[in-house]
Amino acid sequence: MTSTRLPRADAARNRRLLLAAAAEEFAEHGLDASVADIARRAGVGKGTVFRHFATKDDLIAAILIDRMAELSDLGERLLDADDAEAGLREFLTAAARQRQERDLSFLAAASESSAEVAGARERMLDAIDRLVERSRAQGVVRDDITGTDVFLLMCAPNYVAGYVPNASPDLWRRYLAVILDGLRPEGARPLPAAAPELT
């Protein structure tokens, strides 16, 4: 009996191609991006898409999980850095760069009920919490800043820069620098409200 299953390496390659193609299609066309166009961009048949992802929602969830896993992996590696402030800066720079390259934040609403997305988000939040704890312990981040604060600030550099018509692609770096300065304890004043809790 001959197996029709792709070798594992080919299947993994097709999955990577599909995720990249889907991210590009969603970035260009929003949630209206079609599975047929995603398959065409990836250079595979439509059936290959559905062999990897049973529904379009599953594909969206996989994109989000992949992006969060990339940041979680980085955050966890940076926990070993001697300089906690440099580690937090590198993490926030990577998060902003990821969004600058392709802002897919609008996909999050389409996966609110996904347990897998929620798990990936929790893992990323845990990495951020630990990066912030280390930074507070080294005295380079103010004591009243939480991991949730930093998580919510991750999108701010690109969000602000997005209001400038024909902005330089590096404008987000200016606002990231403002955020990083605001996290430092020097000259800090008490914050007017408690940090939120994400549920």
C-alpha atoms as a PDB file:
ATOM      1  CA  MET A   1       0.000   0.000   0.000  1.00  0.00           C
ATOM      2  CA  THR A   2       1.530   3.309  -1.093  1.00  0.00           C
ATOM      3  CA  SER A   3       1.242   6.282   1.272  1.00  0.00           C
ATOM      4  CA  THR A   4       0.039   9.556  -0.267  1.00  0.00           C
ATOM      5  CA  ARG A   5       1.180  11.607   2.722  1.00  0.00           C
ATOM      6  CA  LEU A   6       3.862  14.198   2.116  1.00  0.00           C
ATOM      7  CA  PRO A   7       7.195  13.595   3.774  1.00  0.00           C
ATOM      8  CA  ARG A   8       7.366  15.480   7.058  1.00  0.00           C
ATOM      9  CA  ALA A   9       9.884  18.048   5.724  1.00  0.00           C
ATOM     10  CA  ASP A  10       7.643  18.883   2.753  1.00  0.00           C
ATOM     11  CA  ALA A  11       4.596  19.210   4.968  1.00  0.00           C
ATOM     12  CA  ALA A  12       6.461  21.537   7.322  1.00  0.00           C
ATOM     13  CA  ARG A  13       7.692  23.579   4.356  1.00  0.00           C
ATOM     14  CA  ASN A  14       4.163  23.864   2.949  1.00  0.00           C
ATOM     15  CA  ARG A  15       2.875  24.985   6.331  1.00  0.00           C
ATOM     16  CA  ARG A  16       5.525  27.728   6.529  1.00  0.00           C
ATOM     17  CA  LEU A  17       4.713  28.847   2.978  1.00  0.00           C
ATOM     18  CA  LEU A  18       1.001  28.923   3.778  1.00  0.00           C
ATOM     19  CA  LEU A  19       1.460  30.963   6.952  1.00  0.00           C
ATOM     20  CA  ALA A  20       3.670  33.478   5.146  1.00  0.00           C
ATOM     21  CA  ALA A  21       1.297  33.723   2.184  1.00  0.00           C
ATOM     22  CA  ALA A  22      -1.742  34.041   4.441  1.00  0.00           C
ATOM     23  CA  ALA A  23      -0.097  36.795   6.480  1.00  0.00           C
ATOM     24  CA  GLU A  24       0.598  38.731   3.268  1.00  0.00           C
ATOM     25  CA  GLU A  25      -2.917  38.215   1.930  1.00  0.00           C
ATOM     26  CA  PHE A  26      -4.573  39.249   5.191  1.00  0.00           C
ATOM     27  CA  ALA A  27      -2.307  42.296   5.449  1.00  0.00           C
ATOM     28  CA  GLU A  28      -3.314  43.357   1.934  1.00  0.00           C
ATOM     29  CA  HIS A  29      -6.982  42.358   1.873  1.00  0.00           C
ATOM     30  CA  GLY A  30      -8.070  42.062   5.507  1.00  0.00           C
ATOM     31  CA  LEU A  31     -10.358  39.267   6.617  1.00  0.00           C
ATOM     32  CA  ASP A  32     -11.816  39.090   3.091  1.00  0.00           C
ATOM     33  CA  ALA A  33      -8.625  37.414   1.842  1.00  0.00           C
ATOM     34  CA  SER A  34      -9.631  34.214   0.083  1.00  0.00           C
ATOM     35  CA  VAL A  35      -8.230  30.753   0.692  1.00  0.00           C
ATOM     36  CA  ALA A  36      -7.779  30.368  -3.082  1.00  0.00           C
ATOM     37  CA  ASP A  37      -5.587  33.468  -3.234  1.00  0.00           C
ATOM     38  CA  ILE A  38      -3.596  32.309  -0.214  1.00  0.00           C
ATOM     39  CA  ALA A  39      -2.977  28.931  -1.870  1.00  0.00           C
ATOM     40  CA  ARG A  40      -1.968  30.617  -5.144  1.00  0.00           C
ATOM     41  CA  ARG A  41       0.478  32.923  -3.355  1.00  0.00           C
ATOM     42  CA  ALA A  42       1.965  29.960  -1.461  1.00  0.00           C
ATOM     43  CA  GLY A  43       2.313  27.973  -4.695  1.00  0.00           C
ATOM     44  CA  VAL A  44       0.158  25.100  -3.475  1.00  0.00           C
ATOM     45  CA  GLY A  45      -3.294  23.754  -4.223  1.00  0.00           C
ATOM     46  CA  LYS A  46      -6.356  24.844  -2.263  1.00  0.00           C
ATOM     47  CA  GLY A  47      -6.656  21.302  -0.908  1.00  0.00           C
ATOM     48  CA  THR A  48      -3.232  21.654   0.702  1.00  0.00           C
ATOM     49  CA  VAL A  49      -4.519  24.622   2.687  1.00  0.00           C
ATOM     50  CA  PHE A  50      -7.373  22.577   4.095  1.00  0.00           C
ATOM     51  CA  ARG A  51      -5.115  19.625   4.864  1.00  0.00           C
ATOM     52  CA  HIS A  52      -3.163  21.927   7.191  1.00  0.00           C
ATOM     53  CA  PHE A  53      -5.998  24.163   8.387  1.00  0.00           C
ATOM     54  CA  ALA A  54      -9.556  22.844   8.474  1.00  0.00           C
ATOM     55  CA  THR A  55     -11.067  26.336   8.417  1.00  0.00           C
ATOM     56  CA  LYS A  56     -10.047  29.893   7.655  1.00  0.00           C
ATOM     57  CA  ASP A  57     -10.349  30.610  11.388  1.00  0.00           C
ATOM     58  CA  ASP A  58      -7.806  27.857  12.074  1.00  0.00           C
ATOM     59  CA  LEU A  59      -5.429  29.522   9.620  1.00  0.00           C
ATOM     60  CA  ILE A  60      -5.879  32.910  11.311  1.00  0.00           C
ATOM     61  CA  ALA A  61      -5.255  31.328  14.705  1.00  0.00           C
ATOM     62  CA  ALA A  62      -2.095  29.658  13.400  1.00  0.00           C
ATOM     63  CA  ILE A  63      -0.738  33.004  12.160  1.00  0.00           C
ATOM     64  CA  LEU A  64      -1.323  34.631  15.543  1.00  0.00           C
ATOM     65  CA  ILE A  65       0.158  31.679  17.429  1.00  0.00           C
ATOM     66  CA  ASP A  66       3.221  31.715  15.170  1.00  0.00           C
ATOM     67  CA  ARG A  67       3.806  35.451  15.720  1.00  0.00           C
ATOM     68  CA  MET A  68       3.344  35.200  19.489  1.00  0.00           C
ATOM     69  CA  ALA A  69       5.585  32.134  19.684  1.00  0.00           C
ATOM     70  CA  GLU A  70       8.331  34.065  17.899  1.00  0.00           C
ATOM     71  CA  LEU A  71       8.165  36.809  20.551  1.00  0.00           C
ATOM     72  CA  SER A  72       7.817  34.324  23.408  1.00  0.00           C
ATOM     73  CA  ASP A  73      10.899  32.424  22.253  1.00  0.00           C
ATOM     74  CA  LEU A  74      12.854  35.675  22.122  1.00  0.00           C
ATOM     75  CA  GLY A  75      11.583  36.830  25.523  1.00  0.00           C
ATOM     76  CA  GLU A  76      12.517  33.538  27.140  1.00  0.00           C
ATOM     77  CA  ARG A  77      16.014  33.664  25.633  1.00  0.00           C
ATOM     78  CA  LEU A  78      16.472  37.238  26.848  1.00  0.00           C
ATOM     79  CA  LEU A  79      15.774  36.155  30.440  1.00  0.00           C
ATOM     80  CA  ASP A  80      19.370  34.897  30.451  1.00  0.00           C
ATOM     81  CA  ALA A  81      20.796  38.281  29.429  1.00  0.00           C
ATOM     82  CA  ASP A  82      22.979  39.938  32.065  1.00  0.00           C
ATOM     83  CA  ASP A  83      21.557  43.376  31.246  1.00  0.00           C
ATOM     84  CA  ALA A  84      17.804  43.253  31.902  1.00  0.00           C
ATOM     85  CA  GLU A  85      17.219  46.695  30.422  1.00  0.00           C
ATOM     86  CA  ALA A  86      18.945  45.736  27.165  1.00  0.00           C
ATOM     87  CA  GLY A  87      16.878  42.547  27.079  1.00  0.00           C
ATOM     88  CA  LEU A  88      13.594  44.400  27.523  1.00  0.00           C
ATOM     89  CA  ARG A  89      14.625  46.935  24.876  1.00  0.00           C
ATOM     90  CA  GLU A  90      15.491  44.142  22.431  1.00  0.00           C
ATOM     91  CA  PHE A  91      12.146  42.455  23.068  1.00  0.00           C
ATOM     92  CA  LEU A  92      10.124  45.643  22.535  1.00  0.00           C
ATOM     93  CA  THR A  93      12.149  46.483  19.430  1.00  0.00           C
ATOM     94  CA  ALA A  94      11.441  43.025  17.975  1.00  0.00           C
ATOM     95  CA  ALA A  95       7.726  43.363  18.775  1.00  0.00           C
ATOM     96  CA  ALA A  96       7.534  46.776  17.102  1.00  0.00           C
ATOM     97  CA  ARG A  97       9.550  45.578  14.096  1.00  0.00           C
ATOM     98  CA  GLN A  98       7.231  42.589  13.688  1.00  0.00           C
ATOM     99  CA  ARG A  99       4.243  44.929  13.599  1.00  0.00           C
ATOM    100  CA  GLN A 100       5.996  47.387  11.281  1.00  0.00           C
ATOM    101  CA  GLU A 101       6.726  44.638   8.803  1.00  0.00           C
ATOM    102  CA  ARG A 102       3.119  43.421   8.809  1.00  0.00           C
ATOM    103  CA  ASP A 103       0.429  44.692  11.160  1.00  0.00           C
ATOM    104  CA  LEU A 104      -1.986  41.823  11.676  1.00  0.00           C
ATOM    105  CA  SER A 105      -3.378  42.981  15.011  1.00  0.00           C
ATOM    106  CA  PHE A 106      -6.871  43.110  13.490  1.00  0.00           C
ATOM    107  CA  LEU A 107      -6.810  39.306  13.248  1.00  0.00           C
ATOM    108  CA  ALA A 108      -6.957  38.972  17.049  1.00  0.00           C
ATOM    109  CA  ALA A 109     -10.693  39.666  17.125  1.00  0.00           C
ATOM    110  CA  ALA A 110     -11.258  36.760  14.745  1.00  0.00           C
ATOM    111  CA  SER A 111      -9.648  34.311  17.187  1.00  0.00           C
ATOM    112  CA  GLU A 112     -11.059  35.423  20.537  1.00  0.00           C
ATOM    113  CA  SER A 113     -12.543  31.985  21.212  1.00  0.00           C
ATOM    114  CA  SER A 114      -9.430  29.995  20.288  1.00  0.00           C
ATOM    115  CA  ALA A 115      -7.956  28.162  23.273  1.00  0.00           C
ATOM    116  CA  GLU A 116      -4.680  27.746  21.372  1.00  0.00           C
ATOM    117  CA  VAL A 117      -4.400  31.490  20.760  1.00  0.00           C
ATOM    118  CA  ALA A 118      -5.209  32.145  24.425  1.00  0.00           C
ATOM    119  CA  GLY A 119      -2.461  29.717  25.458  1.00  0.00           C
ATOM    120  CA  ALA A 120       0.085  31.381  23.159  1.00  0.00           C
ATOM    121  CA  ARG A 121      -0.909  34.767  24.553  1.00  0.00           C
ATOM    122  CA  GLU A 122      -0.470  33.536  28.135  1.00  0.00           C
ATOM    123  CA  ARG A 123       2.991  32.219  27.299  1.00  0.00           C
ATOM    124  CA  MET A 124       3.981  35.566  25.798  1.00  0.00           C
ATOM    125  CA  LEU A 125       2.540  37.463  28.789  1.00  0.00           C
ATOM    126  CA  ASP A 126       4.525  35.233  31.131  1.00  0.00           C
ATOM    127  CA  ALA A 127       7.751  36.009  29.251  1.00  0.00           C
ATOM    128  CA  ILE A 128       6.989  39.736  29.397  1.00  0.00           C
ATOM    129  CA  ASP A 129       6.161  39.538  33.119  1.00  0.00           C
ATOM    130  CA  ARG A 130       9.511  37.913  33.825  1.00  0.00           C
ATOM    131  CA  LEU A 131      11.430  40.405  31.668  1.00  0.00           C
ATOM    132  CA  VAL A 132       9.794  43.258  33.580  1.00  0.00           C
ATOM    133  CA  GLU A 133      10.413  41.607  36.971  1.00  0.00           C
ATOM    134  CA  ARG A 134      14.128  41.267  36.154  1.00  0.00           C
ATOM    135  CA  SER A 135      14.262  44.874  34.985  1.00  0.00           C
ATOM    136  CA  ARG A 136      12.596  46.087  38.197  1.00  0.00           C
ATOM    137  CA  ALA A 137      14.960  43.973  40.272  1.00  0.00           C
ATOM    138  CA  GLN A 138      17.955  45.579  38.517  1.00  0.00           C
ATOM    139  CA  GLY A 139      16.482  49.033  39.121  1.00  0.00           C
ATOM    140  CA  VAL A 140      16.162  49.914  35.436  1.00  0.00           C
ATOM    141  CA  VAL A 141      12.352  49.915  35.286  1.00  0.00           C
ATOM    142  CA  ARG A 142      10.176  51.817  37.733  1.00  0.00           C
ATOM    143  CA  ASP A 143       8.582  49.767  40.507  1.00  0.00           C
ATOM    144  CA  ASP A 144       4.982  50.471  39.494  1.00  0.00           C
ATOM    145  CA  ILE A 145       5.321  49.106  35.944  1.00  0.00           C
ATOM    146  CA  THR A 146       3.854  45.665  35.317  1.00  0.00           C
ATOM    147  CA  GLY A 147       4.162  43.133  32.551  1.00  0.00           C
ATOM    148  CA  THR A 148       0.623  44.046  31.513  1.00  0.00           C
ATOM    149  CA  ASP A 149       1.674  47.674  31.098  1.00  0.00           C
ATOM    150  CA  VAL A 150       4.499  46.617  28.807  1.00  0.00           C
ATOM    151  CA  PHE A 151       2.264  44.211  26.872  1.00  0.00           C
ATOM    152  CA  LEU A 152      -0.222  47.027  26.213  1.00  0.00           C
ATOM    153  CA  LEU A 153       2.560  49.411  25.175  1.00  0.00           C
ATOM    154  CA  MET A 154       3.961  46.954  22.605  1.00  0.00           C
ATOM    155  CA  CYS A 155       1.696  48.235  19.838  1.00  0.00           C
ATOM    156  CA  ALA A 156       1.999  51.932  20.735  1.00  0.00           C
ATOM    157  CA  PRO A 157       5.089  52.895  18.659  1.00  0.00           C
ATOM    158  CA  ASN A 158       3.533  51.684  15.402  1.00  0.00           C
ATOM    159  CA  TYR A 159       0.050  52.887  16.298  1.00  0.00           C
ATOM    160  CA  VAL A 160       1.264  56.441  16.886  1.00  0.00           C
ATOM    161  CA  ALA A 161       3.506  56.472  13.807  1.00  0.00           C
ATOM    162  CA  GLY A 162       0.556  55.254  11.740  1.00  0.00           C
ATOM    163  CA  TYR A 163      -1.129  58.633  12.125  1.00  0.00           C
ATOM    164  CA  VAL A 164       1.612  60.381  10.139  1.00  0.00           C
ATOM    165  CA  PRO A 165       0.976  60.442   6.373  1.00  0.00           C
ATOM    166  CA  ASN A 166       3.972  59.188   4.388  1.00  0.00           C
ATOM    167  CA  ALA A 167       5.882  58.576   7.603  1.00  0.00           C
ATOM    168  CA  SER A 168       9.412  57.258   7.528  1.00  0.00           C
ATOM    169  CA  PRO A 169       9.344  53.473   8.005  1.00  0.00           C
ATOM    170  CA  ASP A 170      11.567  53.972  11.069  1.00  0.00           C
ATOM    171  CA  LEU A 171       9.368  56.569  12.790  1.00  0.00           C
ATOM    172  CA  TRP A 172       8.183  53.921  15.265  1.00  0.00           C
ATOM    173  CA  ARG A 173      11.700  53.892  16.730  1.00  0.00           C
ATOM    174  CA  ARG A 174      11.238  57.476  17.970  1.00  0.00           C
ATOM    175  CA  TYR A 175       8.133  56.538  19.942  1.00  0.00           C
ATOM    176  CA  LEU A 176       9.670  53.327  21.229  1.00  0.00           C
ATOM    177  CA  ALA A 177      12.511  55.455  22.640  1.00  0.00           C
ATOM    178  CA  VAL A 178       9.921  57.682  24.359  1.00  0.00           C
ATOM    179  CA  ILE A 179       8.273  54.589  25.874  1.00  0.00           C
ATOM    180  CA  LEU A 180      11.577  53.139  27.051  1.00  0.00           C
ATOM    181  CA  ASP A 181      12.470  56.454  28.725  1.00  0.00           C
ATOM    182  CA  GLY A 182       9.056  56.468  30.395  1.00  0.00           C
ATOM    183  CA  LEU A 183       9.691  53.020  31.889  1.00  0.00           C
ATOM    184  CA  ARG A 184      12.866  54.157  33.669  1.00  0.00           C
ATOM    185  CA  PRO A 185      12.747  55.114  37.350  1.00  0.00           C
ATOM    186  CA  GLU A 186      14.659  58.377  36.927  1.00  0.00           C
ATOM    187  CA  GLY A 187      12.279  61.300  37.332  1.00  0.00           C
ATOM    188  CA  ALA A 188       9.255  59.003  37.619  1.00  0.00           C
ATOM    189  CA  ARG A 189       6.096  60.357  39.235  1.00  0.00           C
ATOM    190  CA  PRO A 190       3.295  58.212  40.680  1.00  0.00           C
ATOM    191  CA  LEU A 191       0.963  56.866  38.018  1.00  0.00           C
ATOM    192  CA  PRO A 192      -2.649  58.084  38.308  1.00  0.00           C
ATOM    193  CA  ALA A 193      -4.340  54.673  38.041  1.00  0.00           C
ATOM    194  CA  ALA A 194      -3.585  51.073  38.885  1.00  0.00           C
ATOM    195  CA  ALA A 195      -2.290  48.767  36.181  1.00  0.00           C
ATOM    196  CA  PRO A 196      -5.081  46.775  34.500  1.00  0.00           C
ATOM    197  CA  GLU A 197      -5.386  43.024  34.677  1.00  0.00           C
ATOM    198  CA  LEU A 198      -5.956  41.082  31.498  1.00  0.00           C
ATOM    199  CA  THR A 199      -8.482  38.273  31.806  1.00  0.00           C
END
